N, C-alpha and C. Protein backbone atom coordinates (compact mmCIF):
# COMPACT_ATOMS: atom_id res chain seq x y z
N MET A 1 5.89 -34.67 4.71
CA MET A 1 5.80 -33.83 5.89
C MET A 1 6.40 -32.45 5.62
N ILE A 2 7.56 -32.40 4.93
CA ILE A 2 8.18 -31.12 4.63
C ILE A 2 7.27 -30.28 3.74
N LEU A 3 6.65 -30.89 2.73
CA LEU A 3 5.75 -30.17 1.85
C LEU A 3 4.57 -29.61 2.63
N LEU A 4 4.02 -30.36 3.55
CA LEU A 4 2.92 -29.89 4.38
C LEU A 4 3.35 -28.70 5.22
N THR A 5 4.54 -28.75 5.80
CA THR A 5 5.06 -27.65 6.61
C THR A 5 5.26 -26.40 5.76
N LEU A 6 5.82 -26.56 4.56
CA LEU A 6 6.02 -25.41 3.68
C LEU A 6 4.70 -24.82 3.23
N THR A 7 3.73 -25.67 2.92
CA THR A 7 2.41 -25.19 2.51
C THR A 7 1.77 -24.40 3.64
N ALA A 8 1.86 -24.88 4.86
CA ALA A 8 1.29 -24.17 6.00
C ALA A 8 2.01 -22.84 6.24
N ALA A 9 3.31 -22.82 6.04
CA ALA A 9 4.07 -21.60 6.28
C ALA A 9 3.71 -20.50 5.29
N PHE A 10 3.32 -20.88 4.05
CA PHE A 10 3.01 -19.88 3.04
C PHE A 10 1.52 -19.65 2.87
N ALA A 11 0.68 -20.38 3.60
CA ALA A 11 -0.76 -20.18 3.50
C ALA A 11 -1.09 -18.77 3.96
N GLY A 12 -1.84 -18.06 3.15
CA GLY A 12 -2.24 -16.71 3.51
C GLY A 12 -1.15 -15.67 3.29
N ALA A 13 -0.03 -16.06 2.66
CA ALA A 13 1.03 -15.09 2.39
C ALA A 13 0.53 -14.07 1.38
N PRO A 14 1.01 -12.83 1.49
CA PRO A 14 0.58 -11.80 0.56
C PRO A 14 0.94 -12.14 -0.87
N GLU A 15 0.05 -11.78 -1.76
CA GLU A 15 0.29 -11.98 -3.18
C GLU A 15 -0.01 -10.67 -3.89
N ALA A 16 0.81 -10.33 -4.86
CA ALA A 16 0.55 -9.15 -5.69
C ALA A 16 0.70 -9.57 -7.14
N HIS A 17 -0.10 -8.96 -7.99
CA HIS A 17 0.00 -9.25 -9.42
C HIS A 17 -0.18 -7.97 -10.22
N VAL A 18 0.36 -7.99 -11.40
CA VAL A 18 0.25 -6.86 -12.31
C VAL A 18 -1.10 -6.95 -13.03
N VAL A 19 -1.91 -5.90 -12.88
CA VAL A 19 -3.24 -5.86 -13.49
C VAL A 19 -3.16 -5.20 -14.87
N THR A 20 -2.45 -4.07 -14.94
CA THR A 20 -2.21 -3.38 -16.21
C THR A 20 -0.75 -2.96 -16.20
N SER A 21 -0.33 -2.25 -17.22
CA SER A 21 1.08 -1.85 -17.29
C SER A 21 1.47 -0.87 -16.19
N THR A 22 0.49 -0.29 -15.50
CA THR A 22 0.80 0.65 -14.41
C THR A 22 0.19 0.26 -13.08
N LEU A 23 -0.71 -0.70 -13.07
CA LEU A 23 -1.48 -1.04 -11.86
C LEU A 23 -1.06 -2.39 -11.29
N VAL A 24 -0.76 -2.38 -9.98
CA VAL A 24 -0.43 -3.60 -9.24
C VAL A 24 -1.45 -3.74 -8.11
N GLU A 25 -1.91 -4.96 -7.90
CA GLU A 25 -2.86 -5.23 -6.83
C GLU A 25 -2.37 -6.40 -6.00
N GLY A 26 -2.49 -6.25 -4.69
CA GLY A 26 -2.12 -7.33 -3.79
C GLY A 26 -3.14 -7.45 -2.68
N SER A 27 -3.17 -8.63 -2.06
CA SER A 27 -4.10 -8.81 -0.95
C SER A 27 -3.50 -9.75 0.08
N VAL A 28 -4.01 -9.60 1.30
CA VAL A 28 -3.55 -10.42 2.40
C VAL A 28 -4.66 -10.51 3.45
N SER A 29 -4.70 -11.63 4.13
CA SER A 29 -5.64 -11.79 5.24
C SER A 29 -4.94 -11.45 6.54
N VAL A 30 -5.66 -10.76 7.42
CA VAL A 30 -5.12 -10.39 8.73
C VAL A 30 -6.13 -10.75 9.81
N ARG A 31 -5.64 -10.82 11.03
CA ARG A 31 -6.45 -11.26 12.16
C ARG A 31 -7.40 -10.17 12.67
N ALA A 32 -7.07 -8.91 12.52
CA ALA A 32 -7.83 -7.80 13.11
C ALA A 32 -9.14 -7.56 12.36
N PRO A 33 -10.16 -7.06 13.08
CA PRO A 33 -11.43 -6.75 12.42
C PRO A 33 -11.32 -5.56 11.46
N ALA A 34 -12.16 -5.57 10.45
CA ALA A 34 -12.11 -4.57 9.37
C ALA A 34 -12.15 -3.12 9.88
N PRO A 35 -13.04 -2.74 10.82
CA PRO A 35 -13.05 -1.34 11.24
C PRO A 35 -11.71 -0.88 11.84
N ASP A 36 -11.05 -1.74 12.58
CA ASP A 36 -9.75 -1.39 13.15
C ASP A 36 -8.71 -1.20 12.06
N VAL A 37 -8.69 -2.14 11.11
CA VAL A 37 -7.70 -2.08 10.04
C VAL A 37 -7.93 -0.84 9.19
N ARG A 38 -9.19 -0.52 8.89
CA ARG A 38 -9.48 0.70 8.11
C ARG A 38 -8.97 1.95 8.84
N ARG A 39 -9.18 2.01 10.14
CA ARG A 39 -8.73 3.16 10.94
C ARG A 39 -7.21 3.27 10.89
N TRP A 40 -6.50 2.16 11.08
CA TRP A 40 -5.04 2.18 11.06
C TRP A 40 -4.51 2.62 9.69
N LEU A 41 -5.09 2.04 8.63
CA LEU A 41 -4.64 2.36 7.28
C LEU A 41 -4.99 3.78 6.86
N GLY A 42 -5.91 4.41 7.57
CA GLY A 42 -6.26 5.80 7.32
C GLY A 42 -5.23 6.79 7.82
N ASP A 43 -4.26 6.30 8.58
CA ASP A 43 -3.20 7.14 9.12
C ASP A 43 -1.92 6.92 8.29
N PRO A 44 -1.57 7.87 7.42
CA PRO A 44 -0.39 7.69 6.57
C PRO A 44 0.89 7.44 7.36
N ASN A 45 1.02 8.02 8.55
CA ASN A 45 2.23 7.78 9.35
C ASN A 45 2.27 6.35 9.87
N TRP A 46 1.11 5.77 10.19
CA TRP A 46 1.06 4.38 10.64
C TRP A 46 1.48 3.46 9.49
N VAL A 47 0.95 3.74 8.29
CA VAL A 47 1.30 2.92 7.13
C VAL A 47 2.80 3.01 6.86
N SER A 48 3.36 4.22 6.95
CA SER A 48 4.80 4.39 6.73
C SER A 48 5.61 3.62 7.76
N SER A 49 5.14 3.59 9.01
CA SER A 49 5.87 2.85 10.04
C SER A 49 5.83 1.35 9.77
N VAL A 50 4.73 0.86 9.26
CA VAL A 50 4.61 -0.56 8.90
C VAL A 50 5.57 -0.88 7.76
N ASP A 51 5.72 0.06 6.85
CA ASP A 51 6.56 -0.15 5.67
C ASP A 51 8.03 0.11 5.95
N GLY A 52 8.40 0.23 7.20
CA GLY A 52 9.80 0.38 7.56
C GLY A 52 10.24 1.82 7.75
N GLY A 53 9.31 2.77 7.62
CA GLY A 53 9.62 4.16 7.87
C GLY A 53 10.56 4.79 6.86
N GLN A 54 10.70 4.20 5.68
CA GLN A 54 11.61 4.75 4.68
C GLN A 54 11.01 5.92 3.92
N THR A 55 9.72 6.13 4.09
CA THR A 55 9.05 7.27 3.49
C THR A 55 8.57 8.17 4.62
N SER A 56 8.97 9.43 4.58
CA SER A 56 8.49 10.35 5.61
C SER A 56 7.18 10.99 5.12
N VAL A 57 6.29 11.19 6.08
CA VAL A 57 4.96 11.72 5.77
C VAL A 57 4.71 12.92 6.67
N THR A 58 4.20 13.98 6.06
CA THR A 58 3.79 15.16 6.82
C THR A 58 2.34 15.46 6.46
N ILE A 59 1.46 15.41 7.45
CA ILE A 59 0.06 15.78 7.23
C ILE A 59 0.04 17.30 7.12
N THR A 60 -0.51 17.80 6.01
CA THR A 60 -0.49 19.25 5.77
C THR A 60 -1.84 19.92 5.95
N GLY A 61 -2.90 19.13 6.10
CA GLY A 61 -4.21 19.72 6.30
C GLY A 61 -5.33 18.76 5.99
N ARG A 62 -6.52 19.34 5.88
CA ARG A 62 -7.73 18.58 5.59
C ARG A 62 -8.57 19.34 4.58
N GLU A 63 -9.28 18.59 3.77
CA GLU A 63 -10.33 19.13 2.91
C GLU A 63 -11.56 18.27 3.16
N GLY A 64 -12.45 18.75 3.99
CA GLY A 64 -13.60 17.96 4.37
C GLY A 64 -13.14 16.70 5.10
N SER A 65 -13.55 15.53 4.63
CA SER A 65 -13.16 14.28 5.27
C SER A 65 -11.82 13.74 4.74
N CYS A 66 -11.18 14.49 3.85
CA CYS A 66 -9.93 14.04 3.23
C CYS A 66 -8.72 14.64 3.94
N LEU A 67 -7.65 13.84 4.00
CA LEU A 67 -6.37 14.31 4.51
C LEU A 67 -5.51 14.78 3.35
N LEU A 68 -4.70 15.80 3.61
CA LEU A 68 -3.69 16.24 2.66
C LEU A 68 -2.35 15.91 3.28
N ALA A 69 -1.46 15.31 2.50
CA ALA A 69 -0.17 14.89 3.04
C ALA A 69 0.93 15.01 2.00
N ASP A 70 2.13 15.30 2.49
CA ASP A 70 3.32 15.33 1.65
C ASP A 70 4.19 14.14 2.01
N TYR A 71 4.74 13.48 1.00
CA TYR A 71 5.58 12.31 1.16
C TYR A 71 6.96 12.59 0.57
N VAL A 72 7.99 12.04 1.23
CA VAL A 72 9.35 12.09 0.71
C VAL A 72 9.95 10.70 0.88
N ALA A 73 10.40 10.13 -0.22
CA ALA A 73 11.03 8.80 -0.20
C ALA A 73 12.41 8.95 -0.81
N ASP A 74 13.42 8.68 -0.01
CA ASP A 74 14.80 8.77 -0.48
C ASP A 74 15.22 7.43 -1.06
N HIS A 75 15.21 7.32 -2.38
CA HIS A 75 15.63 6.10 -3.05
C HIS A 75 17.07 6.26 -3.51
N SER A 76 17.70 5.16 -3.84
CA SER A 76 19.10 5.21 -4.25
C SER A 76 19.29 6.01 -5.54
N VAL A 77 18.28 6.06 -6.37
CA VAL A 77 18.40 6.75 -7.64
C VAL A 77 18.01 8.23 -7.53
N MET A 78 17.00 8.53 -6.73
CA MET A 78 16.53 9.90 -6.60
C MET A 78 15.63 10.04 -5.37
N LYS A 79 15.44 11.27 -4.96
CA LYS A 79 14.50 11.57 -3.88
C LYS A 79 13.14 11.82 -4.54
N VAL A 80 12.16 11.02 -4.16
CA VAL A 80 10.82 11.13 -4.73
C VAL A 80 9.96 11.92 -3.76
N THR A 81 9.32 12.97 -4.27
CA THR A 81 8.41 13.75 -3.45
C THR A 81 7.04 13.77 -4.12
N TYR A 82 6.00 13.71 -3.31
CA TYR A 82 4.66 13.81 -3.85
C TYR A 82 3.69 14.24 -2.76
N SER A 83 2.65 14.91 -3.17
CA SER A 83 1.58 15.35 -2.29
C SER A 83 0.33 14.60 -2.68
N VAL A 84 -0.45 14.18 -1.68
CA VAL A 84 -1.67 13.41 -1.97
C VAL A 84 -2.87 14.01 -1.26
N ARG A 85 -3.99 13.68 -1.80
CA ARG A 85 -5.29 13.93 -1.17
C ARG A 85 -5.85 12.54 -0.89
N GLN A 86 -5.97 12.18 0.40
CA GLN A 86 -6.43 10.84 0.80
C GLN A 86 -7.83 10.95 1.38
N CYS A 87 -8.76 10.26 0.75
CA CYS A 87 -10.16 10.34 1.15
C CYS A 87 -10.69 8.96 1.54
N PRO A 88 -11.61 8.94 2.51
CA PRO A 88 -12.23 7.65 2.86
C PRO A 88 -13.12 7.16 1.72
N SER A 89 -13.20 5.84 1.60
CA SER A 89 -14.12 5.21 0.66
C SER A 89 -15.01 4.27 1.47
N SER A 90 -15.93 3.60 0.82
CA SER A 90 -16.84 2.72 1.55
C SER A 90 -16.12 1.56 2.22
N GLU A 91 -14.97 1.14 1.66
CA GLU A 91 -14.25 0.00 2.22
C GLU A 91 -12.85 0.33 2.70
N GLY A 92 -12.46 1.61 2.65
CA GLY A 92 -11.09 1.94 3.06
C GLY A 92 -10.72 3.37 2.77
N HIS A 93 -9.68 3.55 1.94
CA HIS A 93 -9.15 4.88 1.63
C HIS A 93 -8.58 4.90 0.22
N VAL A 94 -8.63 6.08 -0.40
CA VAL A 94 -8.03 6.28 -1.72
C VAL A 94 -7.17 7.54 -1.64
N ALA A 95 -5.92 7.42 -2.07
CA ALA A 95 -5.01 8.57 -2.10
C ALA A 95 -4.61 8.81 -3.56
N VAL A 96 -4.71 10.07 -3.97
CA VAL A 96 -4.36 10.46 -5.34
C VAL A 96 -3.35 11.60 -5.24
N ALA A 97 -2.27 11.48 -6.01
CA ALA A 97 -1.25 12.53 -6.00
C ALA A 97 -1.79 13.80 -6.64
N THR A 98 -1.51 14.92 -5.98
CA THR A 98 -1.89 16.22 -6.53
C THR A 98 -0.69 16.90 -7.16
N LYS A 99 0.52 16.50 -6.76
CA LYS A 99 1.75 16.94 -7.42
C LYS A 99 2.87 15.97 -7.06
N SER A 100 3.87 15.88 -7.95
CA SER A 100 4.97 14.96 -7.73
C SER A 100 6.13 15.30 -8.64
N ASN A 101 7.33 14.96 -8.18
CA ASN A 101 8.50 15.12 -9.04
C ASN A 101 8.80 13.84 -9.82
N ALA A 102 8.02 12.80 -9.60
CA ALA A 102 8.33 11.51 -10.22
C ALA A 102 7.14 10.85 -10.90
N PHE A 103 5.94 11.10 -10.41
CA PHE A 103 4.77 10.38 -10.92
C PHE A 103 3.92 11.27 -11.81
N ASP A 104 3.55 10.74 -12.97
CA ASP A 104 2.53 11.39 -13.79
C ASP A 104 1.16 11.02 -13.23
N THR A 105 1.07 9.80 -12.74
CA THR A 105 -0.14 9.29 -12.10
C THR A 105 0.27 8.53 -10.84
N TYR A 106 -0.45 8.78 -9.75
CA TYR A 106 -0.25 8.01 -8.52
C TYR A 106 -1.61 7.90 -7.86
N ARG A 107 -2.07 6.67 -7.70
CA ARG A 107 -3.35 6.40 -7.03
C ARG A 107 -3.17 5.15 -6.19
N ALA A 108 -3.36 5.29 -4.90
CA ALA A 108 -3.24 4.16 -3.98
C ALA A 108 -4.59 3.93 -3.31
N GLU A 109 -5.04 2.69 -3.33
CA GLU A 109 -6.34 2.38 -2.74
C GLU A 109 -6.21 1.20 -1.78
N TRP A 110 -6.70 1.39 -0.56
CA TRP A 110 -6.81 0.32 0.43
C TRP A 110 -8.28 -0.07 0.53
N ARG A 111 -8.55 -1.37 0.40
CA ARG A 111 -9.90 -1.89 0.62
C ARG A 111 -9.81 -2.96 1.71
N VAL A 112 -10.68 -2.86 2.69
CA VAL A 112 -10.67 -3.80 3.80
C VAL A 112 -12.09 -4.33 3.98
N VAL A 113 -12.23 -5.65 3.87
CA VAL A 113 -13.55 -6.27 4.04
C VAL A 113 -13.44 -7.37 5.09
N PRO A 114 -14.54 -7.56 5.83
CA PRO A 114 -14.53 -8.63 6.84
C PRO A 114 -14.28 -9.99 6.19
N GLU A 115 -13.52 -10.81 6.90
CA GLU A 115 -13.24 -12.18 6.45
C GLU A 115 -13.18 -13.04 7.71
N GLY A 116 -14.24 -13.77 7.97
CA GLY A 116 -14.30 -14.54 9.22
C GLY A 116 -14.23 -13.58 10.40
N THR A 117 -13.32 -13.84 11.33
CA THR A 117 -13.16 -12.94 12.47
C THR A 117 -12.11 -11.87 12.20
N GLY A 118 -11.50 -11.92 11.02
CA GLY A 118 -10.47 -10.95 10.65
C GLY A 118 -10.88 -10.14 9.44
N SER A 119 -9.90 -9.84 8.59
CA SER A 119 -10.15 -8.99 7.43
C SER A 119 -9.33 -9.44 6.24
N LEU A 120 -9.86 -9.15 5.05
CA LEU A 120 -9.10 -9.28 3.83
C LEU A 120 -8.74 -7.87 3.40
N VAL A 121 -7.44 -7.61 3.27
CA VAL A 121 -6.94 -6.29 2.90
C VAL A 121 -6.43 -6.36 1.47
N THR A 122 -6.91 -5.45 0.63
CA THR A 122 -6.46 -5.35 -0.74
C THR A 122 -5.85 -3.97 -0.95
N TYR A 123 -4.69 -3.96 -1.58
CA TYR A 123 -4.00 -2.72 -1.87
C TYR A 123 -3.78 -2.64 -3.37
N ARG A 124 -4.24 -1.55 -3.97
CA ARG A 124 -4.08 -1.30 -5.40
C ARG A 124 -3.22 -0.06 -5.56
N LEU A 125 -2.15 -0.17 -6.32
CA LEU A 125 -1.25 0.95 -6.53
C LEU A 125 -1.06 1.15 -8.02
N ASP A 126 -1.51 2.31 -8.50
CA ASP A 126 -1.43 2.66 -9.91
C ASP A 126 -0.42 3.80 -10.05
N ILE A 127 0.73 3.50 -10.65
CA ILE A 127 1.80 4.47 -10.81
C ILE A 127 2.21 4.53 -12.27
N ASP A 128 2.26 5.75 -12.79
CA ASP A 128 2.80 5.96 -14.12
C ASP A 128 3.81 7.09 -14.03
N THR A 129 4.91 6.96 -14.74
CA THR A 129 5.96 7.95 -14.70
C THR A 129 6.53 8.16 -16.10
N SER A 130 6.96 9.36 -16.36
CA SER A 130 7.63 9.62 -17.64
C SER A 130 9.13 9.78 -17.42
N LEU A 131 9.61 9.32 -16.26
CA LEU A 131 11.05 9.35 -16.00
C LEU A 131 11.75 8.36 -16.92
N TRP A 132 13.04 8.31 -16.85
CA TRP A 132 13.86 7.51 -17.76
C TRP A 132 13.79 6.01 -17.49
N PHE A 133 13.06 5.57 -16.46
CA PHE A 133 12.96 4.14 -16.15
C PHE A 133 11.99 3.47 -17.10
N PRO A 134 12.31 2.28 -17.56
CA PRO A 134 11.33 1.53 -18.36
C PRO A 134 10.11 1.21 -17.49
N ASN A 135 8.93 1.27 -18.09
CA ASN A 135 7.71 1.01 -17.35
C ASN A 135 7.72 -0.39 -16.74
N SER A 136 8.31 -1.36 -17.42
CA SER A 136 8.37 -2.73 -16.88
C SER A 136 9.17 -2.76 -15.58
N PHE A 137 10.22 -1.95 -15.48
CA PHE A 137 11.02 -1.87 -14.26
C PHE A 137 10.18 -1.27 -13.13
N VAL A 138 9.46 -0.19 -13.43
CA VAL A 138 8.62 0.46 -12.41
C VAL A 138 7.55 -0.52 -11.92
N THR A 139 6.91 -1.20 -12.84
CA THR A 139 5.84 -2.15 -12.46
C THR A 139 6.39 -3.31 -11.64
N SER A 140 7.52 -3.85 -12.04
CA SER A 140 8.14 -4.95 -11.30
C SER A 140 8.55 -4.51 -9.90
N THR A 141 9.14 -3.34 -9.80
CA THR A 141 9.53 -2.79 -8.50
C THR A 141 8.31 -2.55 -7.63
N THR A 142 7.26 -2.03 -8.23
CA THR A 142 6.01 -1.76 -7.51
C THR A 142 5.41 -3.07 -6.99
N ARG A 143 5.42 -4.10 -7.80
CA ARG A 143 4.87 -5.40 -7.39
C ARG A 143 5.60 -5.92 -6.14
N GLY A 144 6.92 -5.87 -6.16
CA GLY A 144 7.69 -6.31 -5.00
C GLY A 144 7.42 -5.45 -3.77
N ALA A 145 7.30 -4.14 -3.97
CA ALA A 145 7.03 -3.23 -2.85
C ALA A 145 5.66 -3.50 -2.25
N VAL A 146 4.67 -3.77 -3.08
CA VAL A 146 3.32 -4.07 -2.58
C VAL A 146 3.34 -5.36 -1.76
N GLU A 147 4.01 -6.39 -2.26
CA GLU A 147 4.08 -7.65 -1.51
C GLU A 147 4.80 -7.46 -0.17
N ARG A 148 5.90 -6.70 -0.16
CA ARG A 148 6.62 -6.47 1.10
C ARG A 148 5.77 -5.68 2.10
N LEU A 149 5.07 -4.65 1.61
CA LEU A 149 4.21 -3.87 2.49
C LEU A 149 3.11 -4.74 3.09
N LEU A 150 2.48 -5.56 2.27
CA LEU A 150 1.41 -6.42 2.77
C LEU A 150 1.94 -7.47 3.75
N LYS A 151 3.12 -7.99 3.51
CA LYS A 151 3.74 -8.94 4.45
C LYS A 151 4.01 -8.26 5.78
N ARG A 152 4.55 -7.04 5.73
CA ARG A 152 4.81 -6.30 6.97
C ARG A 152 3.51 -5.96 7.70
N LEU A 153 2.46 -5.66 6.93
CA LEU A 153 1.14 -5.41 7.53
C LEU A 153 0.65 -6.66 8.25
N GLN A 154 0.76 -7.80 7.59
CA GLN A 154 0.34 -9.06 8.19
C GLN A 154 1.18 -9.37 9.44
N ASP A 155 2.48 -9.11 9.37
CA ASP A 155 3.34 -9.34 10.54
C ASP A 155 2.93 -8.43 11.70
N ARG A 156 2.58 -7.17 11.40
CA ARG A 156 2.22 -6.21 12.46
C ARG A 156 0.85 -6.53 13.06
N VAL A 157 -0.11 -6.83 12.20
CA VAL A 157 -1.50 -7.01 12.64
C VAL A 157 -1.77 -8.45 13.05
N GLY A 158 -1.09 -9.38 12.44
CA GLY A 158 -1.28 -10.80 12.75
C GLY A 158 -1.97 -11.54 11.64
N ALA A 159 -1.46 -12.72 11.35
CA ALA A 159 -2.09 -13.59 10.35
C ALA A 159 -3.25 -14.30 11.01
N PRO A 160 -4.26 -14.62 10.23
CA PRO A 160 -5.44 -15.31 10.81
C PRO A 160 -5.10 -16.71 11.29
């Protein structure tokens, strides 16, 4: 009975895995329909609020259908700043850093597809840095951050 309860409690829990030395991918099922989830995830301030608001976001403009935004994340080791160009895709949004004090490469992609009456949300985060941190540390930290963000997304939107 305890095993059954634990299995039910973790069913549908977010999972993230390392795809390459810089790319982490995670996915989670949520109760909301795909068009709603895509709209919410298209708002960088909404995503930041889901993630605990530890990253401040300022929308700085638009280029066609793309948003331009500046991000500031105050980490214990350093303040990370980066600017992105976030554009809609067929299944969600893709944000690519245009400048940063920490990332050589930053690409974040949200994909949302219908799943039953809800949605399957996939988040891919590709980060490369030439800072003094070992790449394995960055990737491990990124994996944990992706899982936490997806769990908070599921908590906010609802599990199926």
